[in-house]
Protein backbone atom coordinates (compact mmCIF):
# COMPACT_ATOMS: atom_id res chain seq x y z
CA MET A 1 95.98 58.69 182.51
CA PRO A 2 94.35 55.33 181.79
CA PHE A 3 93.91 54.64 177.99
CA GLU A 4 90.65 55.90 176.61
CA ARG A 5 89.36 54.81 173.35
CA LEU A 6 89.35 57.59 170.81
CA HIS A 7 86.40 57.93 168.46
CA PHE A 8 86.63 59.25 164.86
CA ASP A 9 84.10 61.97 165.68
CA GLN A 10 86.50 63.34 168.24
CA ILE A 11 89.48 63.03 165.99
CA ARG A 12 87.84 64.81 163.10
CA LYS A 13 87.20 67.89 165.25
CA THR A 14 90.81 68.48 166.13
CA SER A 15 92.75 71.32 164.55
CA THR A 16 95.48 68.92 163.41
CA PHE A 17 92.94 66.72 161.51
CA ARG A 18 91.31 69.64 159.89
CA LEU A 19 94.61 71.24 158.96
CA THR A 20 95.88 67.96 157.44
CA ALA A 21 92.50 67.50 155.66
CA LEU A 22 92.77 71.05 154.27
CA LEU A 23 96.26 70.67 153.00
CA GLY A 24 95.34 67.23 151.68
CA LEU A 25 92.43 68.61 149.75
CA VAL A 26 94.62 71.37 148.28
CA PHE A 27 97.13 68.70 147.31
CA ALA A 28 94.48 66.39 145.89
CA VAL A 29 93.00 69.28 143.92
CA GLY A 30 96.46 69.88 142.45
CA VAL A 31 97.03 66.35 141.50
CA VAL A 32 93.64 65.90 140.05
CA ALA A 33 94.15 69.21 138.04
CA LEU A 34 97.61 67.97 136.81
CA LEU A 35 96.21 64.58 135.80
CA GLY A 36 93.19 66.30 134.08
CA LEU A 37 95.60 68.63 132.21
CA ILE A 38 97.71 65.48 131.15
CA TYR A 39 94.50 63.67 130.07
CA GLY A 40 93.22 66.68 128.16
CA LEU A 41 96.51 67.32 126.33
CA SER A 42 96.95 63.66 125.66
CA ALA A 43 93.54 63.22 124.16
CA ARG A 44 94.04 66.41 122.09
CA GLU A 45 97.35 65.35 120.79
CA LEU A 46 96.17 61.88 119.95
CA THR A 47 93.08 63.39 118.14
CA LEU A 48 95.32 65.88 116.19
CA ARG A 49 97.70 62.98 115.15
CA THR A 50 94.67 60.96 113.94
CA ASP A 51 93.43 63.99 111.90
CA ARG A 52 96.92 64.48 110.38
CA ILE A 53 96.90 60.92 109.16
CA LEU A 54 93.39 61.20 107.68
CA ARG A 55 94.27 64.49 105.86
CA ILE A 56 97.47 62.94 104.39
CA GLU A 57 95.41 60.12 103.01
CA ALA A 58 92.87 62.61 101.89
CA ILE A 59 95.52 64.53 99.92
CA ARG A 60 96.60 61.29 98.20
CA LEU A 61 93.17 60.37 97.11
CA GLN A 62 92.20 63.76 95.82
CA ALA A 63 95.28 63.74 93.65
CA SER A 64 93.88 60.67 91.88
CA SER A 65 91.83 61.03 88.73
CA ALA A 66 88.20 60.15 88.54
CA GLU A 67 88.86 56.99 86.52
CA SER A 68 91.56 55.61 88.80
CA LEU A 69 90.00 56.69 92.09
CA PRO A 70 88.11 53.43 92.75
CA ASP A 71 91.17 51.26 92.08
CA ARG A 72 93.26 53.66 94.23
CA ILE A 73 90.84 53.21 97.23
CA VAL A 74 91.11 49.34 96.87
CA ALA A 75 94.86 49.70 96.75
CA GLU A 76 94.89 51.79 99.87
CA ILE A 77 92.81 49.38 101.72
CA GLY A 78 95.19 46.57 100.76
CA ARG A 79 98.17 48.65 101.73
CA SER A 80 96.79 49.36 105.36
CA ALA A 81 98.85 46.80 107.21
CA SER A 82 97.65 47.92 110.61
CA GLY A 83 94.05 47.44 109.59
CA LEU A 84 93.22 50.60 111.38
CA ASN A 85 92.34 52.60 108.22
CA SER A 86 89.16 52.24 106.27
CA PHE A 87 88.11 53.75 102.96
CA ALA A 88 84.96 54.24 101.01
CA LEU A 89 83.68 55.99 97.91
CA GLN A 90 79.91 56.83 97.95
CA SER A 91 77.66 58.18 95.43
CA ARG A 92 75.80 61.39 95.68
CA SER A 93 72.81 59.30 96.92
CA GLY A 94 74.85 57.78 99.68
CA GLU A 95 75.31 54.39 98.23
CA ARG A 96 78.69 52.73 98.51
CA ILE A 97 80.42 52.42 95.25
CA VAL A 98 83.63 50.83 96.53
CA GLY A 99 85.46 50.45 99.95
CA ASN A 100 85.29 48.56 103.28
CA LEU A 101 83.41 51.33 105.20
CA GLN A 102 79.60 51.62 105.18
CA VAL A 103 78.20 54.57 107.10
CA VAL A 104 74.71 55.94 106.64
CA ARG A 105 74.84 59.57 107.54
CA THR A 106 75.53 63.02 106.11
CA PHE A 107 79.03 64.39 106.67
CA LYS A 108 80.35 67.85 106.50
CA PHE A 109 83.26 68.05 104.18
CA ASP A 110 86.80 68.59 105.46
CA HIS A 111 85.47 68.27 109.19
CA PRO A 112 86.67 65.04 111.04
CA VAL A 113 84.07 63.61 113.34
CA ASN A 114 83.74 60.65 115.58
CA ILE A 115 81.24 57.79 114.98
CA SER A 116 80.38 55.19 117.61
CA ALA A 117 81.29 51.56 117.32
CA LYS A 118 79.23 48.94 115.63
CA PRO A 119 79.62 45.57 117.45
CA GLY A 120 81.27 42.96 115.18
CA ILE A 121 81.90 45.40 112.40
CA HIS A 122 84.26 48.08 113.65
CA GLY A 123 85.27 50.12 116.71
CA PRO A 124 84.80 53.82 117.17
CA LEU A 125 86.03 55.69 114.18
CA ARG A 126 87.40 59.07 113.24
CA VAL A 127 85.95 59.90 109.80
CA LEU A 128 86.97 62.67 107.36
CA ALA A 129 84.71 63.16 104.44
CA ILE A 130 86.00 64.97 101.21
CA GLN A 131 84.51 65.65 97.92
CA ALA A 132 85.82 63.78 94.92
CA PRO A 133 86.47 65.75 91.59
CA THR A 134 83.30 63.87 90.18
CA GLY A 135 81.08 65.04 93.00
CA GLU A 136 81.12 61.68 95.02
CA THR A 137 82.07 61.49 98.59
CA ILE A 138 85.32 60.06 99.68
CA LEU A 139 85.20 58.63 103.22
CA ILE A 140 88.55 58.10 105.12
CA ALA A 141 88.28 56.58 108.55
CA ARG A 142 90.69 55.37 111.29
CA ASP A 143 89.91 53.10 114.15
CA ILE A 144 90.55 55.12 117.32
CA THR A 145 89.93 52.23 119.73
CA PRO A 146 93.57 52.54 121.02
CA ILE A 147 92.96 56.20 121.74
CA VAL A 148 89.73 55.53 123.52
CA ASP A 149 91.37 52.71 125.67
CA LEU A 150 94.17 55.16 126.45
CA ARG A 151 91.64 57.93 127.51
CA LEU A 152 89.67 55.30 129.60
CA ARG A 153 93.03 54.16 131.36
CA ILE A 154 94.02 57.77 132.04
CA LEU A 155 90.59 58.56 133.51
CA GLN A 156 90.73 55.28 135.73
CA ILE A 157 94.21 56.40 136.94
CA LEU A 158 92.69 60.02 137.63
CA ILE A 159 89.85 58.51 139.72
CA GLY A 160 92.04 55.95 141.44
CA SER A 161 94.60 58.52 142.31
CA GLY A 162 91.92 60.96 143.59
CA ILE A 163 90.54 58.14 145.86
CA ALA A 164 94.01 56.88 147.05
CA ILE A 165 94.93 60.51 147.92
CA VAL A 166 91.72 61.06 149.74
CA MET A 167 92.37 57.74 151.79
CA LEU A 168 95.96 58.74 152.52
CA VAL A 169 94.92 62.24 153.66
CA LEU A 170 92.35 60.79 156.00
CA GLY A 171 94.72 58.21 157.41
CA ALA A 172 97.51 60.82 157.75
CA GLY A 173 95.02 63.18 159.52
CA VAL A 174 93.88 60.40 162.05
CA LEU A 175 97.48 59.39 162.78
CA LEU A 176 98.75 62.92 163.16
CA SER A 177 95.76 63.66 165.48
CA LEU A 178 96.00 60.84 167.84
CA ALA A 179 98.99 62.12 169.91
CA PRO A 180 97.66 65.68 170.31
CA LEU A 181 94.16 64.57 171.12
CA ARG A 182 95.53 62.20 173.92
CA ARG A 183 97.59 65.11 175.20
CA VAL A 184 94.39 67.14 175.33
CA ARG A 185 92.74 64.22 177.14
CA ASP A 186 95.47 64.33 179.74
CA LEU A 187 94.90 68.15 180.09
CA GLN A 188 91.27 67.67 180.54
CA ALA A 189 91.70 65.06 183.20
CA ALA A 190 94.24 67.29 185.03
CA SER A 191 91.80 70.24 184.84
CA ARG A 192 88.91 68.19 186.12
CA ALA A 193 90.94 67.09 189.07
CA ILE A 194 92.09 70.80 189.70
CA ALA A 195 88.54 72.06 189.46
CA ALA A 196 87.59 69.39 192.03
CA GLY A 197 89.96 71.16 194.44
CA HIS A 198 93.16 69.35 194.04
CA PHE A 199 95.24 72.57 193.66
CA ASP A 200 98.41 70.58 194.26
CA LEU A 201 98.09 69.04 190.75
CA ARG A 202 99.50 70.78 187.60
CA MET A 203 98.88 70.48 183.87
CA PRO A 204 101.26 67.85 182.27
CA VAL A 205 104.08 69.30 180.15
CA SER A 206 105.68 67.09 177.63
CA GLY A 207 108.90 69.20 177.09
CA ARG A 208 108.23 69.65 173.33
CA GLY A 209 107.75 73.33 173.72
CA ASP A 210 104.80 73.30 171.29
CA GLU A 211 101.56 75.30 171.65
CA LEU A 212 99.97 72.68 174.09
CA ASP A 213 103.18 72.98 176.38
CA LEU A 214 102.89 76.80 176.25
CA PHE A 215 99.14 76.64 177.18
CA ALA A 216 99.86 74.06 179.99
CA GLY A 217 102.73 76.23 181.46
CA THR A 218 100.36 79.43 181.37
CA VAL A 219 97.61 77.54 183.09
CA ASN A 220 99.98 76.13 185.66
CA SER A 221 101.14 79.68 186.53
CA MET A 222 97.52 80.74 186.93
CA ILE A 223 96.77 77.76 189.12
CA GLU A 224 99.70 78.57 191.34
CA GLU A 225 98.39 82.16 191.77
CA VAL A 226 94.73 80.98 192.39
CA GLU A 227 95.98 78.40 194.90
CA ARG A 228 98.00 81.04 196.74
CA VAL A 229 94.97 83.55 196.78
CA VAL A 230 92.51 80.77 197.85
CA ALA A 231 94.73 79.59 200.60
CA GLN A 232 95.11 83.06 201.90
CA VAL A 233 91.43 83.84 201.75
CA LYS A 234 90.63 80.47 203.33
CA GLY A 235 93.35 80.93 205.97
CA VAL A 236 91.97 84.32 206.94
CA THR A 237 88.31 83.07 207.06
CA ASP A 238 89.23 79.95 209.09
CA ALA A 239 91.46 82.01 211.45
CA ILE A 240 88.67 84.59 212.02
CA ALA A 241 85.95 81.88 212.61
CA HIS A 242 88.22 79.85 214.93
CA ASP A 243 89.83 82.79 216.89
CA LEU A 244 86.58 84.79 217.44
CA ARG A 245 84.64 81.73 218.49
CA THR A 246 86.33 81.34 221.92
CA PRO A 247 85.93 84.98 223.08
CA LEU A 248 82.32 85.11 221.82
CA ALA A 249 81.61 81.96 223.83
CA HIS A 250 83.08 83.63 226.88
CA VAL A 251 80.83 86.66 226.23
CA ARG A 252 77.79 84.22 226.12
CA GLY A 253 78.82 82.66 229.20
CA HIS A 254 79.23 86.10 231.05
CA LEU A 255 75.78 87.03 229.78
CA GLN A 256 74.14 83.90 231.06
CA ARG A 257 75.75 84.39 234.46
CA ALA A 258 74.59 87.79 234.49
CA ILE A 259 71.11 86.67 233.60
CA ALA A 260 71.13 84.12 236.55
CA LEU A 261 72.04 86.92 239.23
CA PRO A 262 69.03 87.31 241.66
CA ASP A 263 69.21 91.15 241.73
CA THR A 264 69.65 91.75 238.05
CA ASP A 265 67.36 94.51 236.59
CA PRO A 266 64.53 92.88 234.38
CA ARG A 267 65.37 95.15 231.64
CA SER A 268 69.06 94.18 231.69
CA VAL A 269 67.96 90.49 231.67
CA ALA A 270 65.88 90.99 228.49
CA LEU A 271 68.81 92.73 226.79
CA ALA A 272 71.19 89.96 227.92
CA LYS A 273 68.81 87.28 226.50
CA ALA A 274 68.45 89.28 223.18
CA ALA A 275 72.28 89.51 222.99
CA THR A 276 72.68 85.72 223.76
CA ILE A 277 70.34 84.92 220.94
CA ASP A 278 72.55 87.13 218.56
CA LEU A 279 75.62 85.44 219.83
CA ASP A 280 74.19 81.97 219.28
CA LEU A 281 73.42 82.90 215.64
CA VAL A 282 77.02 84.21 215.18
CA LEU A 283 78.52 81.16 216.80
CA GLU A 284 76.34 78.93 214.58
CA ARG A 285 77.58 80.72 211.49
CA PHE A 286 81.19 80.39 212.64
CA ALA A 287 80.76 76.72 213.28
CA ALA A 288 79.19 76.32 209.74
CA LEU A 289 82.13 78.11 208.13
CA LEU A 290 84.55 75.87 209.80
CA ARG A 291 82.52 72.83 208.78
CA ILE A 292 82.55 73.92 205.06
CA SER A 293 86.34 74.61 205.11
CA GLN A 294 86.82 71.16 206.81
CA LEU A 295 84.77 69.51 203.98
CA GLU A 296 86.57 71.56 201.17
CA ALA A 297 89.99 70.63 202.54
CA ARG A 298 89.06 66.96 202.79
CA GLY A 299 91.13 65.09 200.31
CA ARG A 300 90.78 61.66 201.83
CA GLN A 301 87.94 59.13 201.66
CA ALA A 302 88.54 57.13 204.78
CA GLY A 303 85.01 57.18 205.80
CA PHE A 304 83.63 55.96 202.45
CA ALA A 305 81.77 52.79 202.14
CA THR A 306 79.29 51.01 200.03
CA VAL A 307 75.96 51.39 201.74
CA PRO A 308 72.22 50.94 200.84
CA ILE A 309 70.69 54.33 200.39
CA GLY A 310 67.04 53.38 201.32
CA PRO A 311 67.65 52.73 205.08
CA LEU A 312 70.05 55.81 205.38
CA LEU A 313 67.47 58.19 203.96
CA GLY A 314 64.70 56.54 205.98
CA SER A 315 66.48 57.32 209.23
CA VAL A 316 66.88 60.90 208.16
CA CYS A 317 63.10 61.17 207.60
CA ASP A 318 62.53 59.54 211.06
CA LEU A 319 64.67 62.15 212.64
CA TYR A 320 62.93 65.08 211.07
CA GLU A 321 59.38 63.84 211.44
CA PRO A 322 58.84 65.40 214.90
CA LEU A 323 60.18 68.70 213.79
CA ALA A 324 57.86 68.75 210.70
CA GLU A 325 54.95 67.71 212.95
CA GLU A 326 55.71 70.74 215.22
CA ALA A 327 56.02 73.03 212.23
CA GLY A 328 52.62 71.76 210.79
CA VAL A 329 54.39 70.32 207.70
CA ALA A 330 53.41 66.88 206.36
CA LEU A 331 56.63 64.88 205.78
CA GLU A 332 56.29 62.08 203.46
CA LEU A 333 58.76 59.19 202.84
CA GLY A 334 58.15 58.31 199.06
CA GLU A 335 59.65 55.76 196.69
CA MET A 336 62.70 54.08 198.24
CA SER A 337 65.16 52.22 196.05
CA ASP A 338 67.31 49.35 197.36
CA ALA A 339 70.34 50.47 195.27
CA THR A 340 73.74 50.93 196.94
CA ILE A 341 76.16 53.79 196.57
CA ARG A 342 79.74 54.63 197.72
CA CYS A 343 79.69 57.40 200.17
CA ASP A 344 80.45 58.72 203.65
CA PRO A 345 77.12 57.90 205.39
CA GLN A 346 77.57 60.52 208.01
CA LEU A 347 78.24 63.31 205.54
CA LEU A 348 75.44 62.08 203.22
CA PHE A 349 73.15 62.08 206.32
CA GLU A 350 74.08 65.62 207.07
CA ALA A 351 73.48 66.85 203.51
CA VAL A 352 70.03 65.40 203.33
CA SER A 353 69.33 66.60 206.81
CA ASN A 354 70.15 70.07 205.77
CA LEU A 355 67.79 69.75 202.69
CA LEU A 356 64.86 68.59 204.87
CA ASP A 357 65.53 71.24 207.51
CA ASN A 358 65.46 73.97 204.79
CA ALA A 359 62.31 72.52 203.12
CA ILE A 360 60.47 72.26 206.48
CA LYS A 361 61.41 75.95 207.47
CA PHE A 362 60.55 77.57 204.15
CA THR A 363 57.44 75.52 203.42
CA GLY A 364 55.64 76.71 206.54
CA ALA A 365 52.42 75.32 208.31
CA GLY A 366 50.12 73.49 205.95
CA GLY A 367 52.80 72.61 203.51
CA ARG A 368 54.08 69.23 202.31
CA VAL A 369 57.68 67.82 202.12
CA SER A 370 58.65 64.58 200.42
CA LEU A 371 61.81 62.58 200.39
CA SER A 372 62.25 59.81 197.81
CA VAL A 373 65.00 57.75 195.97
CA MET A 374 64.63 56.79 192.41
CA THR A 375 66.81 54.82 190.03
CA GLU A 376 67.82 56.16 186.58
CA ALA A 377 69.93 53.87 184.31
CA SER A 378 73.10 53.51 186.46
CA ALA A 379 72.43 56.37 188.94
CA VAL A 380 70.54 56.94 192.11
CA VAL A 381 68.63 60.17 192.48
CA MET A 382 67.65 61.34 195.93
CA VAL A 383 64.90 63.92 195.62
CA VAL A 384 63.65 66.39 198.28
CA ARG A 385 60.47 68.14 197.12
CA ASP A 386 58.39 70.75 198.84
CA ASN A 387 55.35 72.99 197.91
CA GLY A 388 56.72 76.22 199.43
CA PRO A 389 57.57 79.47 197.84
CA GLY A 390 60.49 77.84 195.85
CA LEU A 391 63.31 79.79 194.24
CA GLU A 392 63.44 81.90 191.03
CA ALA A 393 65.72 80.38 188.36
CA SER A 394 68.10 83.22 188.74
CA ASP A 395 68.58 82.62 192.42
CA ARG A 396 69.04 78.88 192.39
CA GLN A 397 72.86 79.00 191.80
CA ALA A 398 73.24 82.01 194.24
CA ALA A 399 71.55 79.86 196.85
CA LEU A 400 74.53 77.60 196.93
CA ARG A 401 76.90 80.40 197.89
CA ARG A 402 77.78 81.22 201.44
CA PHE A 403 75.47 83.41 203.49
CA TYR A 404 72.77 83.73 200.66
CA ARG A 405 69.50 84.66 202.05
CA GLY A 406 66.55 85.12 199.69
CA VAL A 407 64.14 88.07 199.82
CA ASP A 408 61.49 85.84 201.30
CA ALA A 409 63.89 84.52 204.12
CA ALA A 410 63.28 87.51 206.47
CA GLY A 411 62.10 86.17 209.80
CA ILE A 412 63.03 82.51 209.06
CA PRO A 413 65.83 81.34 211.34
CA GLY A 414 69.08 80.26 209.60
CA THR A 415 72.57 81.19 208.72
CA GLY A 416 72.49 81.06 204.91
CA LEU A 417 75.11 78.21 204.97
CA GLY A 418 72.99 75.09 204.86
CA LEU A 419 73.00 74.74 201.13
CA SER A 420 76.67 75.57 201.01
CA ILE A 421 77.40 72.65 203.21
CA VAL A 422 75.30 70.42 200.90
CA ALA A 423 77.26 71.67 198.02
CA ALA A 424 80.53 71.09 199.77
CA ILE A 425 79.47 67.41 200.67
CA THR A 426 78.22 66.55 197.21
CA HIS A 427 81.35 68.06 195.63
CA LEU A 428 83.40 65.94 197.96
CA HIS A 429 81.59 62.89 196.74
CA GLY A 430 81.56 63.78 193.03
CA PHE A 431 77.80 63.66 193.15
CA GLY A 432 75.54 65.90 191.12
CA LEU A 433 73.37 68.72 192.79
CA GLU A 434 70.37 70.08 190.97
CA LEU A 435 67.84 72.79 192.06
CA ASP A 436 64.61 72.85 189.94
CA ASP A 437 61.11 74.27 190.00
CA ALA A 438 58.63 71.94 191.63
CA ALA A 439 55.62 74.07 190.45
CA PRO A 440 54.97 75.05 193.16
CA GLY A 441 57.98 74.85 195.48
CA LEU A 442 61.43 73.61 195.03
CA ILE A 443 62.86 70.23 194.11
CA VAL A 444 66.49 69.35 194.93
CA ARG A 445 68.16 66.23 193.45
CA ILE A 446 71.33 64.59 194.45
CA ARG A 447 72.58 62.25 191.72
CA ALA A 448 74.94 59.48 192.45
CA LEU A 449 76.33 56.42 190.64
CA ILE A 450 75.17 52.99 191.71
CA ALA A 451 77.98 50.82 193.37
CA GLN A 452 78.02 47.13 193.67
CA PRO A 453 77.96 45.92 197.32
CA ALA A 454 81.38 45.02 198.72
């Protein structure tokens, strides 16, 4: 089939994309959970390591005497080669006695806490407070900037990995969905062609043996059976209509000759005339059946041409104006578009003629029927409207079937095949056919695409 651009909205609705996204989501959750566990364990281990260092220093300082404690703190400050450790000795009132750490807050003894950084002074600290033998407070702190930086880096890796996984999953879902979606497009195109009456076509099979091939094979088997049954039913119908038409025509001829005999009983003449009328109705139905079969079997478009729609429908209106006047119906020619469409002019003439004929018959004396052509975007809409009894919503689709006669059709001449012929002609052209309520009456629309003049 010709390449058609695929949109993301179509791709995301495919089962392949959804399954890929679901599996990707599970994978992403697993990766994020693993990285989160690593982050948590790493942060916990680094914090415990810092607390061990602080407690070791605390044990050393607690072992010092009260007289030597200030000198020992100064010595520890000088001995801290990394510069990460800080020490201070505070009085009971919170004033610093000695040390390089100044923190104004109350600490709970033997319970390490984090304090925020002070710009230009120190980074974030992990502080442990212990009580000196003399009642003062010994503060032992360690700069945890490397730990905070490591935590931030792990968090960045965690977020970046999650975003990368989401993008990879979406990309994989799109790539994996393209081929199945294109195959579905091919199946859709084939199904539309088959639904249009091309029973010689089959659903494409790739040979992979996957679920789409299994589905296509099953549908192909169904199409073959449907084609066989339709061909049989159509053949029987056509054979009956064709074979009975000749003997019935002969019977009609015999009745006409019997009526023309000079010594025929008047009562026999009346019966023969009534039988002739019934035979005419039967022959008309057979002719309509054969006409529908001919249209449905017509796969060619040899009679198609690009024609202006206005003059064509104007000629149909001119043809039926005397019939409408005789029936007491006002036939109006409404808005006429100068657009052109591609069609078989004779067949479209026949379809619109059938619609006008039905509208005039069912509207009755004093009614009004209009024929108009409107342009909507890139389409032409042919509209036949009447103010007759109309059709119930439940009967509009049934009216397109063969031999349908509504409950209000008694006494109105017809075969019940007029709308069936219209449906067959519009189907052959690929036009849209709509029956709607005209409030009162019925409105019939034939919708066709605008074509550029050749």
